[in-house]
């Protein structure tokens, strides 16, 4: 089932218009322009944010990240953000990229050692001596975007991002490459990635431990040590987060949502949701 999401947020341009484009760039997005985010928001495109000033916290797929300028915040297609808190004199620039655009970008960056780290890293510090280069880079991207109606706008954008990543991006991601290759971190990342792909249909730990070729006990212990939550907790958290998005951001009936999440009945879904949230799906939708 293809689900159309609605966004109850106001930006400088209609959100659905932004998401319909292959790329969209905005420079110097300040704190006063950021809407209050109270409900979970699911991203249907990839977004890379350069935070030049300010700090705060952001929850991405149930993991809370502290960020402090200067840094890069990456949000991937399909991820859900909520509980975003901005502090200080916030100033950021960001680019939104469609899946098609990222697939073409991948062709140019697939041989770069730190590109995989960049796609997995949510918050990455930017060295102070590179702030000016990042600032100018986003201004350059905005100029390309403003002229994107030209015949070569798309190609110019792909080449500009690929070139900048090789020149400057790698210097940000290489320092965290060693940490990301630790076996416990790799197992946890693989598990969370699998849960993202299969949580709608697979809610038993045996499925994931079999896929990862480890025991359920080892998987749960490793994930608990790395994140503070057990593997089963993570499966439940992904299910509940998706349910919240569907209840708040679509017009799907509760029965349709129960079907989408592979519950045997609406009643079973309702009991499951209330057990975790303390409200029925209907009460949550109307709250």
C-alpha atoms as a PDB file:
ATOM      1  CA  UNK A   1       0.000   0.000   0.000  1.00  0.00           C
ATOM      2  CA  UNK A   2       1.370   3.413  -0.963  1.00  0.00           C
ATOM      3  CA  UNK A   3       0.767   5.840   1.898  1.00  0.00           C
ATOM      4  CA  UNK A   4       0.415   9.559   1.318  1.00  0.00           C
ATOM      5  CA  UNK A   5       1.665  11.561   4.280  1.00  0.00           C
ATOM      6  CA  UNK A   6       0.418  14.984   5.305  1.00  0.00           C
ATOM      7  CA  UNK A   7       2.681  17.435   7.117  1.00  0.00           C
ATOM      8  CA  UNK A   8       1.275  19.818   9.709  1.00  0.00           C
ATOM      9  CA  UNK A   9       4.256  22.150   9.557  1.00  0.00           C
ATOM     10  CA  UNK A  10       4.877  25.477   7.859  1.00  0.00           C
ATOM     11  CA  UNK A  11       8.125  26.132   6.015  1.00  0.00           C
ATOM     12  CA  UNK A  12       9.189  28.771   3.510  1.00  0.00           C
ATOM     13  CA  UNK A  13       7.641  26.579   0.808  1.00  0.00           C
ATOM     14  CA  UNK A  14       4.935  23.905   0.879  1.00  0.00           C
ATOM     15  CA  UNK A  15       6.493  20.672   2.163  1.00  0.00           C
ATOM     16  CA  UNK A  16       4.922  18.474  -0.490  1.00  0.00           C
ATOM     17  CA  UNK A  17       6.288  20.783  -3.195  1.00  0.00           C
ATOM     18  CA  UNK A  18       9.755  20.465  -1.666  1.00  0.00           C
ATOM     19  CA  UNK A  19       9.528  16.672  -1.581  1.00  0.00           C
ATOM     20  CA  UNK A  20       8.331  16.488  -5.183  1.00  0.00           C
ATOM     21  CA  UNK A  21      11.641  17.892  -6.455  1.00  0.00           C
ATOM     22  CA  UNK A  22      14.917  16.039  -7.018  1.00  0.00           C
ATOM     23  CA  UNK A  23      16.754  18.590  -4.894  1.00  0.00           C
ATOM     24  CA  UNK A  24      15.852  21.618  -2.814  1.00  0.00           C
ATOM     25  CA  UNK A  25      18.283  23.953  -1.030  1.00  0.00           C
ATOM     26  CA  UNK A  26      17.825  26.642   1.597  1.00  0.00           C
ATOM     27  CA  UNK A  27      20.522  28.797   3.214  1.00  0.00           C
ATOM     28  CA  UNK A  28      20.514  30.459   6.634  1.00  0.00           C
ATOM     29  CA  UNK A  29      17.456  28.846   8.179  1.00  0.00           C
ATOM     30  CA  UNK A  30      17.237  30.621  11.560  1.00  0.00           C
ATOM     31  CA  UNK A  31      15.570  29.607  14.818  1.00  0.00           C
ATOM     32  CA  UNK A  32      12.508  31.845  14.428  1.00  0.00           C
ATOM     33  CA  UNK A  33      11.657  30.082  11.150  1.00  0.00           C
ATOM     34  CA  UNK A  34      11.566  26.599  12.694  1.00  0.00           C
ATOM     35  CA  UNK A  35       8.050  25.372  13.491  1.00  0.00           C
ATOM     36  CA  UNK A  36       7.322  23.581  16.747  1.00  0.00           C
ATOM     37  CA  UNK A  37       7.451  19.855  16.105  1.00  0.00           C
ATOM     38  CA  UNK A  38       5.067  17.998  18.404  1.00  0.00           C
ATOM     39  CA  UNK A  39       4.146  14.966  16.291  1.00  0.00           C
ATOM     40  CA  UNK A  40       6.528  12.453  14.665  1.00  0.00           C
ATOM     41  CA  UNK A  41       7.483  13.444  11.102  1.00  0.00           C
ATOM     42  CA  UNK A  42       8.523  10.806   8.568  1.00  0.00           C
ATOM     43  CA  UNK A  43      11.016  11.908   5.914  1.00  0.00           C
ATOM     44  CA  UNK A  44      10.318  10.720   2.366  1.00  0.00           C
ATOM     45  CA  UNK A  45      13.572  12.247   1.064  1.00  0.00           C
ATOM     46  CA  UNK A  46      17.146  12.514   2.328  1.00  0.00           C
ATOM     47  CA  UNK A  47      18.163  15.691   4.136  1.00  0.00           C
ATOM     48  CA  UNK A  48      21.620  17.000   5.028  1.00  0.00           C
ATOM     49  CA  UNK A  49      21.784  19.980   7.402  1.00  0.00           C
ATOM     50  CA  UNK A  50      24.818  22.145   8.078  1.00  0.00           C
ATOM     51  CA  UNK A  51      24.393  23.748  11.502  1.00  0.00           C
ATOM     52  CA  UNK A  52      26.537  26.895  11.534  1.00  0.00           C
ATOM     53  CA  UNK A  53      25.350  28.306  14.865  1.00  0.00           C
ATOM     54  CA  UNK A  54      23.341  27.021  17.832  1.00  0.00           C
ATOM     55  CA  UNK A  55      22.821  23.663  19.464  1.00  0.00           C
ATOM     56  CA  UNK A  56      20.096  21.310  20.608  1.00  0.00           C
ATOM     57  CA  UNK A  57      18.753  17.769  20.580  1.00  0.00           C
ATOM     58  CA  UNK A  58      16.941  15.763  17.935  1.00  0.00           C
ATOM     59  CA  UNK A  59      15.359  12.324  18.070  1.00  0.00           C
ATOM     60  CA  UNK A  60      15.854  10.318  14.868  1.00  0.00           C
ATOM     61  CA  UNK A  61      14.308   6.864  14.710  1.00  0.00           C
ATOM     62  CA  UNK A  62      14.023   6.789  18.504  1.00  0.00           C
ATOM     63  CA  UNK A  63      17.682   7.637  19.126  1.00  0.00           C
ATOM     64  CA  UNK A  64      18.357  11.021  20.741  1.00  0.00           C
ATOM     65  CA  UNK A  65      21.314  12.985  19.389  1.00  0.00           C
ATOM     66  CA  UNK A  66      22.912  16.104  20.848  1.00  0.00           C
ATOM     67  CA  UNK A  67      24.233  18.500  18.240  1.00  0.00           C
ATOM     68  CA  UNK A  68      26.342  21.606  18.571  1.00  0.00           C
ATOM     69  CA  UNK A  69      27.562  23.917  15.820  1.00  0.00           C
ATOM     70  CA  UNK A  70      29.442  23.538  13.643  1.00  0.00           C
ATOM     71  CA  UNK A  71      28.174  20.128  12.607  1.00  0.00           C
ATOM     72  CA  UNK A  72      26.308  18.133   9.969  1.00  0.00           C
ATOM     73  CA  UNK A  73      22.976  16.452  10.750  1.00  0.00           C
ATOM     74  CA  UNK A  74      21.897  13.782   8.263  1.00  0.00           C
ATOM     75  CA  UNK A  75      18.370  12.395   8.061  1.00  0.00           C
ATOM     76  CA  UNK A  76      17.734   9.531   5.666  1.00  0.00           C
ATOM     77  CA  UNK A  77      14.643   8.714   3.645  1.00  0.00           C
ATOM     78  CA  UNK A  78      12.168   6.723   5.750  1.00  0.00           C
ATOM     79  CA  UNK A  79      13.500   7.975   9.078  1.00  0.00           C
ATOM     80  CA  UNK A  80      11.251   9.661  11.620  1.00  0.00           C
ATOM     81  CA  UNK A  81      12.154  12.722  13.678  1.00  0.00           C
ATOM     82  CA  UNK A  82      10.469  14.053  16.789  1.00  0.00           C
ATOM     83  CA  UNK A  83      11.239  16.036  19.922  1.00  0.00           C
ATOM     84  CA  UNK A  84      13.568  18.480  18.199  1.00  0.00           C
ATOM     85  CA  UNK A  85      14.889  21.141  20.586  1.00  0.00           C
ATOM     86  CA  UNK A  86      16.797  24.186  19.311  1.00  0.00           C
ATOM     87  CA  UNK A  87      18.931  26.386  21.584  1.00  0.00           C
ATOM     88  CA  UNK A  88      21.003  29.504  21.052  1.00  0.00           C
ATOM     89  CA  UNK A  89      21.165  31.717  17.960  1.00  0.00           C
ATOM     90  CA  UNK A  90      20.392  28.945  15.514  1.00  0.00           C
ATOM     91  CA  UNK A  91      21.541  29.241  11.886  1.00  0.00           C
ATOM     92  CA  UNK A  92      21.553  26.311   9.470  1.00  0.00           C
ATOM     93  CA  UNK A  93      21.527  25.528   5.761  1.00  0.00           C
ATOM     94  CA  UNK A  94      20.085  22.344   4.326  1.00  0.00           C
ATOM     95  CA  UNK A  95      19.581  20.354   1.180  1.00  0.00           C
ATOM     96  CA  UNK A  96      16.772  17.872   0.475  1.00  0.00           C
ATOM     97  CA  UNK A  97      17.592  15.110  -2.011  1.00  0.00           C
ATOM     98  CA  UNK A  98      15.292  12.588  -3.681  1.00  0.00           C
ATOM     99  CA  UNK A  99      16.101   8.871  -3.808  1.00  0.00           C
ATOM    100  CA  UNK A 100      16.790   9.163  -7.554  1.00  0.00           C
ATOM    101  CA  UNK A 101      19.297  11.943  -6.937  1.00  0.00           C
ATOM    102  CA  UNK A 102      21.043   9.987  -4.150  1.00  0.00           C
ATOM    103  CA  UNK A 103      21.260   6.890  -6.355  1.00  0.00           C
ATOM    104  CA  UNK A 104      23.081   8.943  -8.999  1.00  0.00           C
ATOM    105  CA  UNK A 105      25.306  10.488  -6.330  1.00  0.00           C
ATOM    106  CA  UNK A 106      26.150   7.006  -5.032  1.00  0.00           C
ATOM    107  CA  UNK A 107      27.559   6.042  -8.455  1.00  0.00           C
ATOM    108  CA  UNK A 108      30.106   8.841  -8.109  1.00  0.00           C
ATOM    109  CA  UNK A 109      30.946   8.263  -4.430  1.00  0.00           C
ATOM    110  CA  UNK A 110      30.718   4.475  -4.018  1.00  0.00           C
ATOM    111  CA  UNK A 111      34.518   4.063  -4.089  1.00  0.00           C
ATOM    112  CA  UNK A 112      35.083   6.675  -1.373  1.00  0.00           C
ATOM    113  CA  UNK A 113      36.010   4.939   1.911  1.00  0.00           C
ATOM    114  CA  UNK A 114      34.122   7.384   4.132  1.00  0.00           C
ATOM    115  CA  UNK A 115      30.913   7.566   2.078  1.00  0.00           C
ATOM    116  CA  UNK A 116      29.372   4.586   3.898  1.00  0.00           C
ATOM    117  CA  UNK A 117      30.170   6.239   7.225  1.00  0.00           C
ATOM    118  CA  UNK A 118      28.519   9.448   6.028  1.00  0.00           C
ATOM    119  CA  UNK A 119      25.269   7.646   5.180  1.00  0.00           C
ATOM    120  CA  UNK A 120      25.156   6.039   8.649  1.00  0.00           C
ATOM    121  CA  UNK A 121      26.306   8.994  10.755  1.00  0.00           C
ATOM    122  CA  UNK A 122      23.479  11.152  12.089  1.00  0.00           C
ATOM    123  CA  UNK A 123      25.496  13.997  13.683  1.00  0.00           C
ATOM    124  CA  UNK A 124      29.076  14.760  12.642  1.00  0.00           C
ATOM    125  CA  UNK A 125      31.284  17.634  13.873  1.00  0.00           C
ATOM    126  CA  UNK A 126      32.732  20.047  11.307  1.00  0.00           C
ATOM    127  CA  UNK A 127      36.254  21.367  12.013  1.00  0.00           C
ATOM    128  CA  UNK A 128      36.234  25.096  12.756  1.00  0.00           C
ATOM    129  CA  UNK A 129      38.665  25.810   9.928  1.00  0.00           C
ATOM    130  CA  UNK A 130      36.178  24.357   7.429  1.00  0.00           C
ATOM    131  CA  UNK A 131      33.087  26.362   8.446  1.00  0.00           C
ATOM    132  CA  UNK A 132      33.688  28.973   5.765  1.00  0.00           C
ATOM    133  CA  UNK A 133      33.987  26.292   3.084  1.00  0.00           C
ATOM    134  CA  UNK A 134      30.720  24.656   4.158  1.00  0.00           C
ATOM    135  CA  UNK A 135      28.965  28.017   4.250  1.00  0.00           C
ATOM    136  CA  UNK A 136      30.141  28.880   0.734  1.00  0.00           C
ATOM    137  CA  UNK A 137      29.238  25.382  -0.470  1.00  0.00           C
ATOM    138  CA  UNK A 138      25.583  25.746   0.496  1.00  0.00           C
ATOM    139  CA  UNK A 139      25.456  29.227  -1.032  1.00  0.00           C
ATOM    140  CA  UNK A 140      26.853  27.704  -4.238  1.00  0.00           C
ATOM    141  CA  UNK A 141      24.235  24.924  -4.135  1.00  0.00           C
ATOM    142  CA  UNK A 142      21.499  27.524  -3.703  1.00  0.00           C
ATOM    143  CA  UNK A 143      22.758  29.345  -6.793  1.00  0.00           C
ATOM    144  CA  UNK A 144      22.619  26.103  -8.769  1.00  0.00           C
ATOM    145  CA  UNK A 145      19.135  25.397  -7.411  1.00  0.00           C
ATOM    146  CA  UNK A 146      17.911  28.879  -8.370  1.00  0.00           C
ATOM    147  CA  UNK A 147      19.127  28.196 -11.896  1.00  0.00           C
ATOM    148  CA  UNK A 148      17.981  24.562 -11.928  1.00  0.00           C
ATOM    149  CA  UNK A 149      15.542  25.200 -14.764  1.00  0.00           C
ATOM    150  CA  UNK A 150      18.558  25.294 -17.036  1.00  0.00           C
ATOM    151  CA  UNK A 151      19.400  22.204 -19.074  1.00  0.00           C
ATOM    152  CA  UNK A 152      22.335  21.197 -16.881  1.00  0.00           C
ATOM    153  CA  UNK A 153      21.088  22.082 -13.386  1.00  0.00           C
ATOM    154  CA  UNK A 154      20.674  18.476 -12.240  1.00  0.00           C
ATOM    155  CA  UNK A 155      24.123  17.415 -13.463  1.00  0.00           C
ATOM    156  CA  UNK A 156      25.718  20.532 -11.975  1.00  0.00           C
ATOM    157  CA  UNK A 157      24.200  19.730  -8.573  1.00  0.00           C
ATOM    158  CA  UNK A 158      25.402  16.098  -8.594  1.00  0.00           C
ATOM    159  CA  UNK A 159      28.929  17.110  -9.603  1.00  0.00           C
ATOM    160  CA  UNK A 160      29.074  19.949  -7.051  1.00  0.00           C
ATOM    161  CA  UNK A 161      28.077  17.680  -4.143  1.00  0.00           C
ATOM    162  CA  UNK A 162      30.389  14.843  -5.206  1.00  0.00           C
ATOM    163  CA  UNK A 163      33.330  17.202  -5.645  1.00  0.00           C
ATOM    164  CA  UNK A 164      32.780  18.873  -2.261  1.00  0.00           C
ATOM    165  CA  UNK A 165      32.456  15.513  -0.503  1.00  0.00           C
ATOM    166  CA  UNK A 166      35.814  14.335  -1.860  1.00  0.00           C
ATOM    167  CA  UNK A 167      37.450  17.660  -1.002  1.00  0.00           C
ATOM    168  CA  UNK A 168      35.943  18.421   2.420  1.00  0.00           C
ATOM    169  CA  UNK A 169      33.370  15.849   3.497  1.00  0.00           C
ATOM    170  CA  UNK A 170      35.881  13.049   3.860  1.00  0.00           C
ATOM    171  CA  UNK A 171      37.859  15.134   6.375  1.00  0.00           C
ATOM    172  CA  UNK A 172      34.782  15.184   8.637  1.00  0.00           C
ATOM    173  CA  UNK A 173      33.906  11.497   8.403  1.00  0.00           C
ATOM    174  CA  UNK A 174      37.307   9.777   8.404  1.00  0.00           C
ATOM    175  CA  UNK A 175      37.918  10.469  12.146  1.00  0.00           C
ATOM    176  CA  UNK A 176      34.786   8.479  13.081  1.00  0.00           C
ATOM    177  CA  UNK A 177      35.388   5.666  10.574  1.00  0.00           C
ATOM    178  CA  UNK A 178      37.434   3.541  13.022  1.00  0.00           C
ATOM    179  CA  UNK A 179      34.772   3.697  15.744  1.00  0.00           C
ATOM    180  CA  UNK A 180      32.010   2.680  13.334  1.00  0.00           C
ATOM    181  CA  UNK A 181      33.868  -0.515  12.402  1.00  0.00           C
ATOM    182  CA  UNK A 182      33.868  -2.003  15.929  1.00  0.00           C
ATOM    183  CA  UNK A 183      32.072  -5.357  15.866  1.00  0.00           C
ATOM    184  CA  UNK A 184      29.486  -4.401  18.524  1.00  0.00           C
ATOM    185  CA  UNK A 185      28.623  -1.196  16.692  1.00  0.00           C
ATOM    186  CA  UNK A 186      28.359  -3.028  13.369  1.00  0.00           C
ATOM    187  CA  UNK A 187      26.013  -5.648  14.828  1.00  0.00           C
ATOM    188  CA  UNK A 188      23.784  -3.027  16.425  1.00  0.00           C
ATOM    189  CA  UNK A 189      23.655  -0.963  13.224  1.00  0.00           C
ATOM    190  CA  UNK A 190      22.834  -4.046  11.155  1.00  0.00           C
ATOM    191  CA  UNK A 191      20.107  -5.047  13.609  1.00  0.00           C
ATOM    192  CA  UNK A 192      18.501  -1.598  13.609  1.00  0.00           C
ATOM    193  CA  UNK A 193      18.687  -1.496   9.824  1.00  0.00           C
ATOM    194  CA  UNK A 194      16.931  -4.876   9.620  1.00  0.00           C
ATOM    195  CA  UNK A 195      14.241  -3.744  12.056  1.00  0.00           C
ATOM    196  CA  UNK A 196      13.592  -0.671   9.912  1.00  0.00           C
ATOM    197  CA  UNK A 197      13.071  -2.939   6.908  1.00  0.00           C
ATOM    198  CA  UNK A 198      10.987  -5.688   8.510  1.00  0.00           C
ATOM    199  CA  UNK A 199       9.245  -4.449  11.682  1.00  0.00           C
ATOM    200  CA  UNK A 200       5.845  -4.278   9.985  1.00  0.00           C
ATOM    201  CA  UNK A 201       5.834  -8.035   9.505  1.00  0.00           C
ATOM    202  CA  UNK A 202       8.502  -9.487  11.796  1.00  0.00           C
ATOM    203  CA  UNK A 203       8.236  -8.848  15.543  1.00  0.00           C
ATOM    204  CA  UNK A 204       9.993 -11.909  16.938  1.00  0.00           C
ATOM    205  CA  UNK A 205      13.697 -11.760  17.797  1.00  0.00           C
ATOM    206  CA  UNK A 206      14.418 -15.166  16.250  1.00  0.00           C
ATOM    207  CA  UNK A 207      13.927 -13.705  12.777  1.00  0.00           C
ATOM    208  CA  UNK A 208      16.608 -11.029  13.326  1.00  0.00           C
ATOM    209  CA  UNK A 209      19.137 -13.247  15.125  1.00  0.00           C
ATOM    210  CA  UNK A 210      18.834 -15.774  12.282  1.00  0.00           C
ATOM    211  CA  UNK A 211      19.435 -13.052   9.687  1.00  0.00           C
ATOM    212  CA  UNK A 212      22.504 -11.855  11.598  1.00  0.00           C
ATOM    213  CA  UNK A 213      23.739 -15.388  12.378  1.00  0.00           C
ATOM    214  CA  UNK A 214      24.001 -14.800  16.135  1.00  0.00           C
ATOM    215  CA  UNK A 215      22.085 -16.108  19.145  1.00  0.00           C
ATOM    216  CA  UNK A 216      19.112 -14.148  20.429  1.00  0.00           C
ATOM    217  CA  UNK A 217      20.875 -13.814  23.789  1.00  0.00           C
ATOM    218  CA  UNK A 218      24.038 -12.334  22.244  1.00  0.00           C
ATOM    219  CA  UNK A 219      22.036  -9.998  20.017  1.00  0.00           C
ATOM    220  CA  UNK A 220      19.892  -8.668  22.853  1.00  0.00           C
ATOM    221  CA  UNK A 221      22.898  -8.199  25.177  1.00  0.00           C
ATOM    222  CA  UNK A 222      24.937  -6.388  22.503  1.00  0.00           C
ATOM    223  CA  UNK A 223      22.086  -4.065  21.522  1.00  0.00           C
ATOM    224  CA  UNK A 224      21.281  -3.337  25.182  1.00  0.00           C
ATOM    225  CA  UNK A 225      24.903  -2.430  25.934  1.00  0.00           C
ATOM    226  CA  UNK A 226      25.137  -0.179  22.873  1.00  0.00           C
ATOM    227  CA  UNK A 227      21.793   1.630  23.143  1.00  0.00           C
ATOM    228  CA  UNK A 228      20.287   1.090  26.591  1.00  0.00           C
ATOM    229  CA  UNK A 229      17.305  -0.776  25.116  1.00  0.00           C
ATOM    230  CA  UNK A 230      16.892  -4.484  24.456  1.00  0.00           C
ATOM    231  CA  UNK A 231      16.437  -5.779  20.918  1.00  0.00           C
ATOM    232  CA  UNK A 232      12.766  -6.562  21.632  1.00  0.00           C
ATOM    233  CA  UNK A 233      12.291  -3.020  22.968  1.00  0.00           C
ATOM    234  CA  UNK A 234      13.574  -1.677  19.645  1.00  0.00           C
ATOM    235  CA  UNK A 235      11.143  -3.740  17.609  1.00  0.00           C
ATOM    236  CA  UNK A 236       8.221  -2.483  19.730  1.00  0.00           C
ATOM    237  CA  UNK A 237       9.478   1.104  19.556  1.00  0.00           C
ATOM    238  CA  UNK A 238       9.628   1.059  15.756  1.00  0.00           C
ATOM    239  CA  UNK A 239       6.112  -0.381  15.529  1.00  0.00           C
ATOM    240  CA  UNK A 240       4.701   2.242  17.895  1.00  0.00           C
ATOM    241  CA  UNK A 241       6.528   5.105  16.186  1.00  0.00           C
ATOM    242  CA  UNK A 242       5.173   4.079  12.772  1.00  0.00           C
ATOM    243  CA  UNK A 243       1.685   3.732  14.266  1.00  0.00           C
ATOM    244  CA  UNK A 244       1.942   7.280  15.640  1.00  0.00           C
ATOM    245  CA  UNK A 245       2.942   8.627  12.229  1.00  0.00           C
ATOM    246  CA  UNK A 246       0.065   6.841  10.483  1.00  0.00           C
ATOM    247  CA  UNK A 247      -2.442   7.994  13.096  1.00  0.00           C
ATOM    248  CA  UNK A 248      -1.338  11.628  12.998  1.00  0.00           C
ATOM    249  CA  UNK A 249      -0.153  12.110   9.413  1.00  0.00           C
ATOM    250  CA  UNK A 250      -2.630  10.091   7.327  1.00  0.00           C
ATOM    251  CA  UNK A 251      -6.380   9.652   6.985  1.00  0.00           C
ATOM    252  CA  UNK A 252      -6.097   5.861   7.122  1.00  0.00           C
ATOM    253  CA  UNK A 253      -8.691   4.161   9.312  1.00  0.00           C
ATOM    254  CA  UNK A 254      -7.497   2.359  12.434  1.00  0.00           C
ATOM    255  CA  UNK A 255      -8.366  -0.941  10.742  1.00  0.00           C
ATOM    256  CA  UNK A 256      -6.210   0.009   7.740  1.00  0.00           C
ATOM    257  CA  UNK A 257      -3.337   0.914  10.061  1.00  0.00           C
ATOM    258  CA  UNK A 258      -3.694  -2.414  11.865  1.00  0.00           C
ATOM    259  CA  UNK A 259      -3.512  -4.162   8.478  1.00  0.00           C
ATOM    260  CA  UNK A 260      -0.531  -2.054   7.373  1.00  0.00           C
ATOM    261  CA  UNK A 261       1.352  -3.108  10.517  1.00  0.00           C
ATOM    262  CA  UNK A 262       0.322  -6.778  10.115  1.00  0.00           C
ATOM    263  CA  UNK A 263      -1.769  -7.069  13.260  1.00  0.00           C
ATOM    264  CA  UNK A 264      -4.314  -9.917  13.194  1.00  0.00           C
ATOM    265  CA  UNK A 265      -7.143  -7.544  14.080  1.00  0.00           C
ATOM    266  CA  UNK A 266      -7.965  -3.949  14.953  1.00  0.00           C
ATOM    267  CA  UNK A 267      -8.683  -5.061  18.508  1.00  0.00           C
ATOM    268  CA  UNK A 268      -5.257  -6.672  18.865  1.00  0.00           C
ATOM    269  CA  UNK A 269      -3.600  -3.520  17.522  1.00  0.00           C
ATOM    270  CA  UNK A 270      -5.606  -1.351  19.924  1.00  0.00           C
ATOM    271  CA  UNK A 271      -4.537  -3.387  22.960  1.00  0.00           C
ATOM    272  CA  UNK A 272      -0.907  -3.401  21.821  1.00  0.00           C
ATOM    273  CA  UNK A 273      -0.908   0.379  21.262  1.00  0.00           C
ATOM    274  CA  UNK A 274      -2.605   1.156  24.582  1.00  0.00           C
ATOM    275  CA  UNK A 275      -0.170  -1.096  26.445  1.00  0.00           C
ATOM    276  CA  UNK A 276       2.761   0.990  25.182  1.00  0.00           C
ATOM    277  CA  UNK A 277       1.232   4.489  25.025  1.00  0.00           C
ATOM    278  CA  UNK A 278      -1.512   4.439  27.667  1.00  0.00           C
ATOM    279  CA  UNK A 279      -4.111   5.625  25.138  1.00  0.00           C
ATOM    280  CA  UNK A 280      -6.166   3.871  22.507  1.00  0.00           C
ATOM    281  CA  UNK A 281      -5.294   4.627  18.855  1.00  0.00           C
ATOM    282  CA  UNK A 282      -8.446   6.746  18.581  1.00  0.00           C
ATOM    283  CA  UNK A 283      -7.629   8.709  21.747  1.00  0.00           C
ATOM    284  CA  UNK A 284      -4.092   9.335  20.494  1.00  0.00           C
ATOM    285  CA  UNK A 285      -5.311  10.491  17.070  1.00  0.00           C
ATOM    286  CA  UNK A 286      -7.743  12.956  18.658  1.00  0.00           C
ATOM    287  CA  UNK A 287      -5.329  14.219  21.317  1.00  0.00           C
END
